[in-house]
Amino acid sequence: MKTNLTNVKSVLESYASDSNLTETEVLDKLKDYYFNKEVSKNLKLYKKGKKKVSDITKDLKISPRKFYAILESKNVTHKKYNKNNEKVNQDN
């Protein structure tokens, strides 16, 4: 385990020096890449109806609001709930 980690560390340091970035910037880019990859995988399941929003938000560790923002940015159709209309119907 330790040797694998040292290999990753050395590759990370060499890439950072070649690209004129710091190690933390490289890690942030990797984090964004793998997060987007996971989002894409879950969006495919969401479009097919095999996975619910609550399951996806638990897996990605994000809020439902953020997930709906991702859906809107990727132009994926989803059901919008309008709380104002529900209140009007309850009053009548």
PDB file of N, CA and C in Angstrom:
ATOM      1  N   MET A   1       0.827  -1.196   0.000  1.00  0.00           N
ATOM      2  CA  MET A   1       0.000   0.000   0.000  1.00  0.00           C
ATOM      3  C   MET A   1       0.864   1.249   0.000  1.00  0.00           C
ATOM      4  N   LYS A   2       1.903   1.229   0.819  1.00  0.00           N
ATOM      5  CA  LYS A   2       2.755   2.403   0.928  1.00  0.00           C
ATOM      6  C   LYS A   2       3.511   2.660  -0.372  1.00  0.00           C
ATOM      7  N   THR A   3       3.934   1.598  -1.050  1.00  0.00           N
ATOM      8  CA  THR A   3       4.661   1.784  -2.303  1.00  0.00           C
ATOM      9  C   THR A   3       3.752   2.352  -3.379  1.00  0.00           C
ATOM     10  N   ASN A   4       2.490   1.912  -3.414  1.00  0.00           N
ATOM     11  CA  ASN A   4       1.548   2.454  -4.384  1.00  0.00           C
ATOM     12  C   ASN A   4       1.313   3.934  -4.143  1.00  0.00           C
ATOM     13  N   LEU A   5       1.219   4.303  -2.886  1.00  0.00           N
ATOM     14  CA  LEU A   5       1.003   5.703  -2.536  1.00  0.00           C
ATOM     15  C   LEU A   5       2.213   6.554  -2.897  1.00  0.00           C
ATOM     16  N   THR A   6       3.402   6.037  -2.706  1.00  0.00           N
ATOM     17  CA  THR A   6       4.597   6.794  -3.077  1.00  0.00           C
ATOM     18  C   THR A   6       4.697   6.943  -4.586  1.00  0.00           C
ATOM     19  N   ASN A   7       4.251   5.922  -5.337  1.00  0.00           N
ATOM     20  CA  ASN A   7       4.234   6.028  -6.797  1.00  0.00           C
ATOM     21  C   ASN A   7       3.283   7.134  -7.249  1.00  0.00           C
ATOM     22  N   VAL A   8       2.110   7.167  -6.649  1.00  0.00           N
ATOM     23  CA  VAL A   8       1.126   8.194  -6.991  1.00  0.00           C
ATOM     24  C   VAL A   8       1.663   9.575  -6.637  1.00  0.00           C
ATOM     25  N   LYS A   9       2.297   9.674  -5.497  1.00  0.00           N
ATOM     26  CA  LYS A   9       2.854  10.939  -5.048  1.00  0.00           C
ATOM     27  C   LYS A   9       3.946  11.422  -5.996  1.00  0.00           C
ATOM     28  N   SER A  10       4.813  10.537  -6.426  1.00  0.00           N
ATOM     29  CA  SER A  10       5.892  10.934  -7.337  1.00  0.00           C
ATOM     30  C   SER A  10       5.342  11.352  -8.698  1.00  0.00           C
ATOM     31  N   VAL A  11       4.337  10.627  -9.193  1.00  0.00           N
ATOM     32  CA  VAL A  11       3.719  10.993 -10.475  1.00  0.00           C
ATOM     33  C   VAL A  11       3.030  12.344 -10.357  1.00  0.00           C
ATOM     34  N   LEU A  12       2.362  12.569  -9.244  1.00  0.00           N
ATOM     35  CA  LEU A  12       1.676  13.837  -9.006  1.00  0.00           C
ATOM     36  C   LEU A  12       2.665  14.990  -8.959  1.00  0.00           C
ATOM     37  N   GLU A  13       3.767  14.805  -8.261  1.00  0.00           N
ATOM     38  CA  GLU A  13       4.778  15.857  -8.172  1.00  0.00           C
ATOM     39  C   GLU A  13       5.415  16.145  -9.527  1.00  0.00           C
ATOM     40  N   SER A  14       5.691  15.104 -10.301  1.00  0.00           N
ATOM     41  CA  SER A  14       6.290  15.317 -11.624  1.00  0.00           C
ATOM     42  C   SER A  14       5.312  16.018 -12.563  1.00  0.00           C
ATOM     43  N   TYR A  15       4.041  15.639 -12.509  1.00  0.00           N
ATOM     44  CA  TYR A  15       3.043  16.309 -13.348  1.00  0.00           C
ATOM     45  C   TYR A  15       2.877  17.767 -12.943  1.00  0.00           C
ATOM     46  N   ALA A  16       2.887  18.029 -11.650  1.00  0.00           N
ATOM     47  CA  ALA A  16       2.741  19.398 -11.161  1.00  0.00           C
ATOM     48  C   ALA A  16       3.912  20.257 -11.606  1.00  0.00           C
ATOM     49  N   SER A  17       5.100  19.717 -11.573  1.00  0.00           N
ATOM     50  CA  SER A  17       6.266  20.500 -12.000  1.00  0.00           C
ATOM     51  C   SER A  17       6.255  20.737 -13.511  1.00  0.00           C
ATOM     52  N   ASP A  18       5.783  19.755 -14.291  1.00  0.00           N
ATOM     53  CA  ASP A  18       5.715  19.910 -15.749  1.00  0.00           C
ATOM     54  C   ASP A  18       4.655  20.915 -16.175  1.00  0.00           C
ATOM     55  N   SER A  19       3.549  20.968 -15.459  1.00  0.00           N
ATOM     56  CA  SER A  19       2.433  21.824 -15.860  1.00  0.00           C
ATOM     57  C   SER A  19       2.423  23.171 -15.146  1.00  0.00           C
ATOM     58  N   ASN A  20       3.417  23.443 -14.327  1.00  0.00           N
ATOM     59  CA  ASN A  20       3.520  24.708 -13.581  1.00  0.00           C
ATOM     60  C   ASN A  20       2.308  24.947 -12.668  1.00  0.00           C
ATOM     61  N   LEU A  21       1.804  23.891 -12.085  1.00  0.00           N
ATOM     62  CA  LEU A  21       0.719  23.967 -11.122  1.00  0.00           C
ATOM     63  C   LEU A  21       1.218  23.443  -9.780  1.00  0.00           C
ATOM     64  N   THR A  22       0.507  23.801  -8.726  1.00  0.00           N
ATOM     65  CA  THR A  22       0.838  23.219  -7.431  1.00  0.00           C
ATOM     66  C   THR A  22       0.152  21.863  -7.307  1.00  0.00           C
ATOM     67  N   GLU A  23       0.583  21.083  -6.346  1.00  0.00           N
ATOM     68  CA  GLU A  23      -0.005  19.760  -6.149  1.00  0.00           C
ATOM     69  C   GLU A  23      -1.477  19.856  -5.764  1.00  0.00           C
ATOM     70  N   THR A  24      -1.824  20.862  -4.981  1.00  0.00           N
ATOM     71  CA  THR A  24      -3.232  21.005  -4.577  1.00  0.00           C
ATOM     72  C   THR A  24      -4.112  21.387  -5.762  1.00  0.00           C
ATOM     73  N   GLU A  25      -3.603  22.183  -6.686  1.00  0.00           N
ATOM     74  CA  GLU A  25      -4.385  22.526  -7.877  1.00  0.00           C
ATOM     75  C   GLU A  25      -4.630  21.291  -8.735  1.00  0.00           C
ATOM     76  N   VAL A  26      -3.613  20.451  -8.847  1.00  0.00           N
ATOM     77  CA  VAL A  26      -3.762  19.207  -9.609  1.00  0.00           C
ATOM     78  C   VAL A  26      -4.797  18.314  -8.934  1.00  0.00           C
ATOM     79  N   LEU A  27      -4.743  18.217  -7.607  1.00  0.00           N
ATOM     80  CA  LEU A  27      -5.726  17.407  -6.883  1.00  0.00           C
ATOM     81  C   LEU A  27      -7.134  17.958  -7.035  1.00  0.00           C
ATOM     82  N   ASP A  28      -7.287  19.279  -7.042  1.00  0.00           N
ATOM     83  CA  ASP A  28      -8.605  19.877  -7.253  1.00  0.00           C
ATOM     84  C   ASP A  28      -9.148  19.541  -8.629  1.00  0.00           C
ATOM     85  N   LYS A  29      -8.283  19.573  -9.632  1.00  0.00           N
ATOM     86  CA  LYS A  29      -8.721  19.218 -10.988  1.00  0.00           C
ATOM     87  C   LYS A  29      -9.120  17.746 -11.067  1.00  0.00           C
ATOM     88  N   LEU A  30      -8.369  16.890 -10.396  1.00  0.00           N
ATOM     89  CA  LEU A  30      -8.721  15.468 -10.366  1.00  0.00           C
ATOM     90  C   LEU A  30     -10.037  15.241  -9.642  1.00  0.00           C
ATOM     91  N   LYS A  31     -10.236  15.963  -8.551  1.00  0.00           N
ATOM     92  CA  LYS A  31     -11.481  15.841  -7.788  1.00  0.00           C
ATOM     93  C   LYS A  31     -12.668  16.261  -8.653  1.00  0.00           C
ATOM     94  N   ASP A  32     -12.538  17.381  -9.371  1.00  0.00           N
ATOM     95  CA  ASP A  32     -13.607  17.843 -10.254  1.00  0.00           C
ATOM     96  C   ASP A  32     -13.885  16.832 -11.360  1.00  0.00           C
ATOM     97  N   TYR A  33     -12.813  16.272 -11.928  1.00  0.00           N
ATOM     98  CA  TYR A  33     -12.964  15.302 -13.006  1.00  0.00           C
ATOM     99  C   TYR A  33     -13.742  14.075 -12.541  1.00  0.00           C
ATOM    100  N   TYR A  34     -13.358  13.506 -11.400  1.00  0.00           N
ATOM    101  CA  TYR A  34     -14.025  12.301 -10.919  1.00  0.00           C
ATOM    102  C   TYR A  34     -15.431  12.588 -10.407  1.00  0.00           C
ATOM    103  N   PHE A  35     -15.668  13.785  -9.878  1.00  0.00           N
ATOM    104  CA  PHE A  35     -17.020  14.164  -9.473  1.00  0.00           C
ATOM    105  C   PHE A  35     -17.926  14.249 -10.699  1.00  0.00           C
ATOM    106  N   ASN A  36     -17.446  14.897 -11.761  1.00  0.00           N
ATOM    107  CA  ASN A  36     -18.240  15.014 -12.986  1.00  0.00           C
ATOM    108  C   ASN A  36     -18.487  13.647 -13.622  1.00  0.00           C
ATOM    109  N   LYS A  37     -17.507  12.777 -13.519  1.00  0.00           N
ATOM    110  CA  LYS A  37     -17.666  11.423 -14.054  1.00  0.00           C
ATOM    111  C   LYS A  37     -18.766  10.682 -13.296  1.00  0.00           C
ATOM    112  N   GLU A  38     -18.776  10.828 -11.984  1.00  0.00           N
ATOM    113  CA  GLU A  38     -19.794  10.180 -11.151  1.00  0.00           C
ATOM    114  C   GLU A  38     -21.179  10.788 -11.411  1.00  0.00           C
ATOM    115  N   VAL A  39     -21.226  12.107 -11.603  1.00  0.00           N
ATOM    116  CA  VAL A  39     -22.495  12.774 -11.915  1.00  0.00           C
ATOM    117  C   VAL A  39     -23.051  12.262 -13.231  1.00  0.00           C
ATOM    118  N   SER A  40     -22.203  12.127 -14.232  1.00  0.00           N
ATOM    119  CA  SER A  40     -22.652  11.642 -15.537  1.00  0.00           C
ATOM    120  C   SER A  40     -23.225  10.232 -15.444  1.00  0.00           C
ATOM    121  N   LYS A  41     -22.567   9.395 -14.667  1.00  0.00           N
ATOM    122  CA  LYS A  41     -23.041   8.019 -14.494  1.00  0.00           C
ATOM    123  C   LYS A  41     -24.409   8.008 -13.825  1.00  0.00           C
ATOM    124  N   ASN A  42     -24.580   8.846 -12.799  1.00  0.00           N
ATOM    125  CA  ASN A  42     -25.857   8.896 -12.092  1.00  0.00           C
ATOM    126  C   ASN A  42     -26.948   9.552 -12.933  1.00  0.00           C
ATOM    127  N   LEU A  43     -26.594  10.515 -13.779  1.00  0.00           N
ATOM    128  CA  LEU A  43     -27.588  11.140 -14.651  1.00  0.00           C
ATOM    129  C   LEU A  43     -28.163  10.138 -15.642  1.00  0.00           C
ATOM    130  N   LYS A  44     -27.334   9.245 -16.144  1.00  0.00           N
ATOM    131  CA  LYS A  44     -27.832   8.215 -17.053  1.00  0.00           C
ATOM    132  C   LYS A  44     -28.877   7.343 -16.362  1.00  0.00           C
ATOM    133  N   LEU A  45     -28.588   6.977 -15.114  1.00  0.00           N
ATOM    134  CA  LEU A  45     -29.545   6.158 -14.359  1.00  0.00           C
ATOM    135  C   LEU A  45     -30.803   6.951 -14.030  1.00  0.00           C
ATOM    136  N   TYR A  46     -30.659   8.251 -13.759  1.00  0.00           N
ATOM    137  CA  TYR A  46     -31.815   9.099 -13.461  1.00  0.00           C
ATOM    138  C   TYR A  46     -32.714   9.237 -14.683  1.00  0.00           C
ATOM    139  N   LYS A  47     -32.120   9.410 -15.847  1.00  0.00           N
ATOM    140  CA  LYS A  47     -32.912   9.546 -17.072  1.00  0.00           C
ATOM    141  C   LYS A  47     -33.698   8.273 -17.371  1.00  0.00           C
ATOM    142  N   LYS A  48     -33.112   7.117 -17.072  1.00  0.00           N
ATOM    143  CA  LYS A  48     -33.790   5.844 -17.304  1.00  0.00           C
ATOM    144  C   LYS A  48     -34.835   5.542 -16.237  1.00  0.00           C
ATOM    145  N   GLY A  49     -34.821   6.311 -15.141  1.00  0.00           N
ATOM    146  CA  GLY A  49     -35.763   6.094 -14.060  1.00  0.00           C
ATOM    147  C   GLY A  49     -35.354   4.995 -13.105  1.00  0.00           C
ATOM    148  N   LYS A  50     -34.088   4.615 -13.118  1.00  0.00           N
ATOM    149  CA  LYS A  50     -33.624   3.533 -12.262  1.00  0.00           C
ATOM    150  C   LYS A  50     -33.094   4.024 -10.923  1.00  0.00           C
ATOM    151  N   LYS A  51     -32.889   5.324 -10.804  1.00  0.00           N
ATOM    152  CA  LYS A  51     -32.346   5.855  -9.557  1.00  0.00           C
ATOM    153  C   LYS A  51     -33.077   7.138  -9.197  1.00  0.00           C
ATOM    154  N   LYS A  52     -33.404   7.291  -7.916  1.00  0.00           N
ATOM    155  CA  LYS A  52     -34.132   8.465  -7.449  1.00  0.00           C
ATOM    156  C   LYS A  52     -33.165   9.569  -7.047  1.00  0.00           C
ATOM    157  N   VAL A  53     -33.709  10.775  -6.941  1.00  0.00           N
ATOM    158  CA  VAL A  53     -32.906  11.938  -6.568  1.00  0.00           C
ATOM    159  C   VAL A  53     -32.299  11.744  -5.183  1.00  0.00           C
ATOM    160  N   SER A  54     -33.069  11.213  -4.260  1.00  0.00           N
ATOM    161  CA  SER A  54     -32.557  11.041  -2.898  1.00  0.00           C
ATOM    162  C   SER A  54     -31.373  10.073  -2.863  1.00  0.00           C
ATOM    163  N   ASP A  55     -31.414   9.025  -3.663  1.00  0.00           N
ATOM    164  CA  ASP A  55     -30.301   8.074  -3.709  1.00  0.00           C
ATOM    165  C   ASP A  55     -29.061   8.714  -4.331  1.00  0.00           C
ATOM    166  N   ILE A  56     -29.274   9.496  -5.367  1.00  0.00           N
ATOM    167  CA  ILE A  56     -28.156  10.147  -6.042  1.00  0.00           C
ATOM    168  C   ILE A  56     -27.491  11.167  -5.132  1.00  0.00           C
ATOM    169  N   THR A  57     -28.296  11.957  -4.432  1.00  0.00           N
ATOM    170  CA  THR A  57     -27.713  12.974  -3.558  1.00  0.00           C
ATOM    171  C   THR A  57     -26.970  12.342  -2.390  1.00  0.00           C
ATOM    172  N   LYS A  58     -27.424  11.190  -1.926  1.00  0.00           N
ATOM    173  CA  LYS A  58     -26.694  10.486  -0.869  1.00  0.00           C
ATOM    174  C   LYS A  58     -25.355   9.971  -1.389  1.00  0.00           C
ATOM    175  N   ASP A  59     -25.366   9.415  -2.601  1.00  0.00           N
ATOM    176  CA  ASP A  59     -24.133   8.875  -3.183  1.00  0.00           C
ATOM    177  C   ASP A  59     -23.110   9.974  -3.453  1.00  0.00           C
ATOM    178  N   LEU A  60     -23.582  11.103  -3.994  1.00  0.00           N
ATOM    179  CA  LEU A  60     -22.669  12.193  -4.342  1.00  0.00           C
ATOM    180  C   LEU A  60     -22.359  13.117  -3.179  1.00  0.00           C
ATOM    181  N   LYS A  61     -23.116  12.964  -2.094  1.00  0.00           N
ATOM    182  CA  LYS A  61     -22.964  13.808  -0.900  1.00  0.00           C
ATOM    183  C   LYS A  61     -23.161  15.286  -1.237  1.00  0.00           C
ATOM    184  N   ILE A  62     -24.260  15.555  -1.955  1.00  0.00           N
ATOM    185  CA  ILE A  62     -24.640  16.925  -2.285  1.00  0.00           C
ATOM    186  C   ILE A  62     -26.095  17.124  -1.901  1.00  0.00           C
ATOM    187  N   SER A  63     -26.520  18.390  -1.879  1.00  0.00           N
ATOM    188  CA  SER A  63     -27.903  18.696  -1.552  1.00  0.00           C
ATOM    189  C   SER A  63     -28.789  18.496  -2.782  1.00  0.00           C
ATOM    190  N   PRO A  64     -30.076  18.262  -2.569  1.00  0.00           N
ATOM    191  CA  PRO A  64     -30.985  18.141  -3.710  1.00  0.00           C
ATOM    192  C   PRO A  64     -31.026  19.407  -4.560  1.00  0.00           C
ATOM    193  N   ARG A  65     -30.903  20.569  -3.920  1.00  0.00           N
ATOM    194  CA  ARG A  65     -30.885  21.815  -4.688  1.00  0.00           C
ATOM    195  C   ARG A  65     -29.732  21.852  -5.665  1.00  0.00           C
ATOM    196  N   LYS A  66     -28.578  21.418  -5.204  1.00  0.00           N
ATOM    197  CA  LYS A  66     -27.407  21.410  -6.080  1.00  0.00           C
ATOM    198  C   LYS A  66     -27.609  20.413  -7.216  1.00  0.00           C
ATOM    199  N   PHE A  67     -28.234  19.287  -6.924  1.00  0.00           N
ATOM    200  CA  PHE A  67     -28.479  18.303  -7.971  1.00  0.00           C
ATOM    201  C   PHE A  67     -29.442  18.858  -9.012  1.00  0.00           C
ATOM    202  N   TYR A  68     -30.497  19.542  -8.561  1.00  0.00           N
ATOM    203  CA  TYR A  68     -31.427  20.139  -9.523  1.00  0.00           C
ATOM    204  C   TYR A  68     -30.746  21.227 -10.343  1.00  0.00           C
ATOM    205  N   ALA A  69     -29.800  21.953  -9.752  1.00  0.00           N
ATOM    206  CA  ALA A  69     -29.038  22.945 -10.512  1.00  0.00           C
ATOM    207  C   ALA A  69     -28.191  22.263 -11.579  1.00  0.00           C
ATOM    208  N   ILE A  70     -27.629  21.112 -11.246  1.00  0.00           N
ATOM    209  CA  ILE A  70     -26.858  20.348 -12.228  1.00  0.00           C
ATOM    210  C   ILE A  70     -27.773  19.874 -13.350  1.00  0.00           C
ATOM    211  N   LEU A  71     -28.981  19.419 -12.998  1.00  0.00           N
ATOM    212  CA  LEU A  71     -29.938  18.989 -14.021  1.00  0.00           C
ATOM    213  C   LEU A  71     -30.284  20.126 -14.968  1.00  0.00           C
ATOM    214  N   GLU A  72     -30.509  21.312 -14.427  1.00  0.00           N
ATOM    215  CA  GLU A  72     -30.852  22.453 -15.267  1.00  0.00           C
ATOM    216  C   GLU A  72     -29.676  22.869 -16.139  1.00  0.00           C
ATOM    217  N   SER A  73     -28.459  22.792 -15.616  1.00  0.00           N
ATOM    218  CA  SER A  73     -27.297  23.178 -16.414  1.00  0.00           C
ATOM    219  C   SER A  73     -27.040  22.190 -17.549  1.00  0.00           C
ATOM    220  N   LYS A  74     -27.424  20.915 -17.346  1.00  0.00           N
ATOM    221  CA  LYS A  74     -27.238  19.894 -18.379  1.00  0.00           C
ATOM    222  C   LYS A  74     -28.477  19.724 -19.254  1.00  0.00           C
ATOM    223  N   ASN A  75     -29.496  20.575 -19.043  1.00  0.00           N
ATOM    224  CA  ASN A  75     -30.740  20.560 -19.820  1.00  0.00           C
ATOM    225  C   ASN A  75     -31.460  19.210 -19.750  1.00  0.00           C
ATOM    226  N   VAL A  76     -31.532  18.657 -18.559  1.00  0.00           N
ATOM    227  CA  VAL A  76     -32.254  17.409 -18.326  1.00  0.00           C
ATOM    228  C   VAL A  76     -33.629  17.779 -17.776  1.00  0.00           C
ATOM    229  N   THR A  77     -34.661  17.199 -18.361  1.00  0.00           N
ATOM    230  CA  THR A  77     -36.009  17.511 -17.899  1.00  0.00           C
ATOM    231  C   THR A  77     -36.259  16.839 -16.556  1.00  0.00           C
ATOM    232  N   HIS A  78     -36.896  17.572 -15.683  1.00  0.00           N
ATOM    233  CA  HIS A  78     -37.266  17.050 -14.381  1.00  0.00           C
ATOM    234  C   HIS A  78     -38.534  17.753 -13.929  1.00  0.00           C
ATOM    235  N   LYS A  79     -39.178  17.173 -12.954  1.00  0.00           N
ATOM    236  CA  LYS A  79     -40.433  17.715 -12.457  1.00  0.00           C
ATOM    237  C   LYS A  79     -40.143  18.853 -11.485  1.00  0.00           C
ATOM    238  N   LYS A  80     -40.787  19.987 -11.707  1.00  0.00           N
ATOM    239  CA  LYS A  80     -40.613  21.135 -10.825  1.00  0.00           C
ATOM    240  C   LYS A  80     -41.840  21.264  -9.943  1.00  0.00           C
ATOM    241  N   TYR A  81     -41.596  21.482  -8.680  1.00  0.00           N
ATOM    242  CA  TYR A  81     -42.690  21.651  -7.733  1.00  0.00           C
ATOM    243  C   TYR A  81     -42.829  23.131  -7.417  1.00  0.00           C
ATOM    244  N   ASN A  82     -44.031  23.640  -7.541  1.00  0.00           N
ATOM    245  CA  ASN A  82     -44.290  25.044  -7.254  1.00  0.00           C
ATOM    246  C   ASN A  82     -45.099  25.108  -5.962  1.00  0.00           C
ATOM    247  N   LYS A  83     -44.457  25.552  -4.908  1.00  0.00           N
ATOM    248  CA  LYS A  83     -45.108  25.580  -3.594  1.00  0.00           C
ATOM    249  C   LYS A  83     -46.235  26.605  -3.542  1.00  0.00           C
ATOM    250  N   ASN A  84     -46.143  27.670  -4.305  1.00  0.00           N
ATOM    251  CA  ASN A  84     -47.167  28.709  -4.285  1.00  0.00           C
ATOM    252  C   ASN A  84     -48.510  28.172  -4.782  1.00  0.00           C
ATOM    253  N   ASN A  85     -48.512  27.381  -5.815  1.00  0.00           N
ATOM    254  CA  ASN A  85     -49.752  26.811  -6.340  1.00  0.00           C
ATOM    255  C   ASN A  85     -50.381  25.850  -5.349  1.00  0.00           C
ATOM    256  N   GLU A  86     -49.577  25.108  -4.630  1.00  0.00           N
ATOM    257  CA  GLU A  86     -50.112  24.165  -3.653  1.00  0.00           C
ATOM    258  C   GLU A  86     -50.792  24.911  -2.515  1.00  0.00           C
ATOM    259  N   LYS A  87     -50.247  26.032  -2.086  1.00  0.00           N
ATOM    260  CA  LYS A  87     -50.850  26.825  -1.004  1.00  0.00           C
ATOM    261  C   LYS A  87     -52.177  27.426  -1.445  1.00  0.00           C
ATOM    262  N   VAL A  88     -52.251  27.874  -2.677  1.00  0.00           N
ATOM    263  CA  VAL A  88     -53.479  28.449  -3.199  1.00  0.00           C
ATOM    264  C   VAL A  88     -54.567  27.393  -3.247  1.00  0.00           C
ATOM    265  N   ASN A  89     -54.225  26.178  -3.677  1.00  0.00           N
ATOM    266  CA  ASN A  89     -55.211  25.107  -3.749  1.00  0.00           C
ATOM    267  C   ASN A  89     -55.684  24.672  -2.367  1.00  0.00           C
ATOM    268  N   GLN A  90     -54.837  24.731  -1.366  1.00  0.00           N
ATOM    269  CA  GLN A  90     -55.228  24.340  -0.040  1.00  0.00           C
ATOM    270  C   GLN A  90     -56.164  25.369   0.593  1.00  0.00           C
ATOM    271  N   ASP A  91     -55.975  26.644   0.275  1.00  0.00           N
ATOM    272  CA  ASP A  91     -56.798  27.697   0.838  1.00  0.00           C
ATOM    273  C   ASP A  91     -58.233  27.632   0.305  1.00  0.00           C
ATOM    274  N   ASN A  92     -58.412  27.203  -0.916  1.00  0.00           N
ATOM    275  CA  ASN A  92     -59.755  27.171  -1.520  1.00  0.00           C
ATOM    276  C   ASN A  92     -60.568  26.052  -1.049  1.00  0.00           C
TER     277      ASN A  92
END
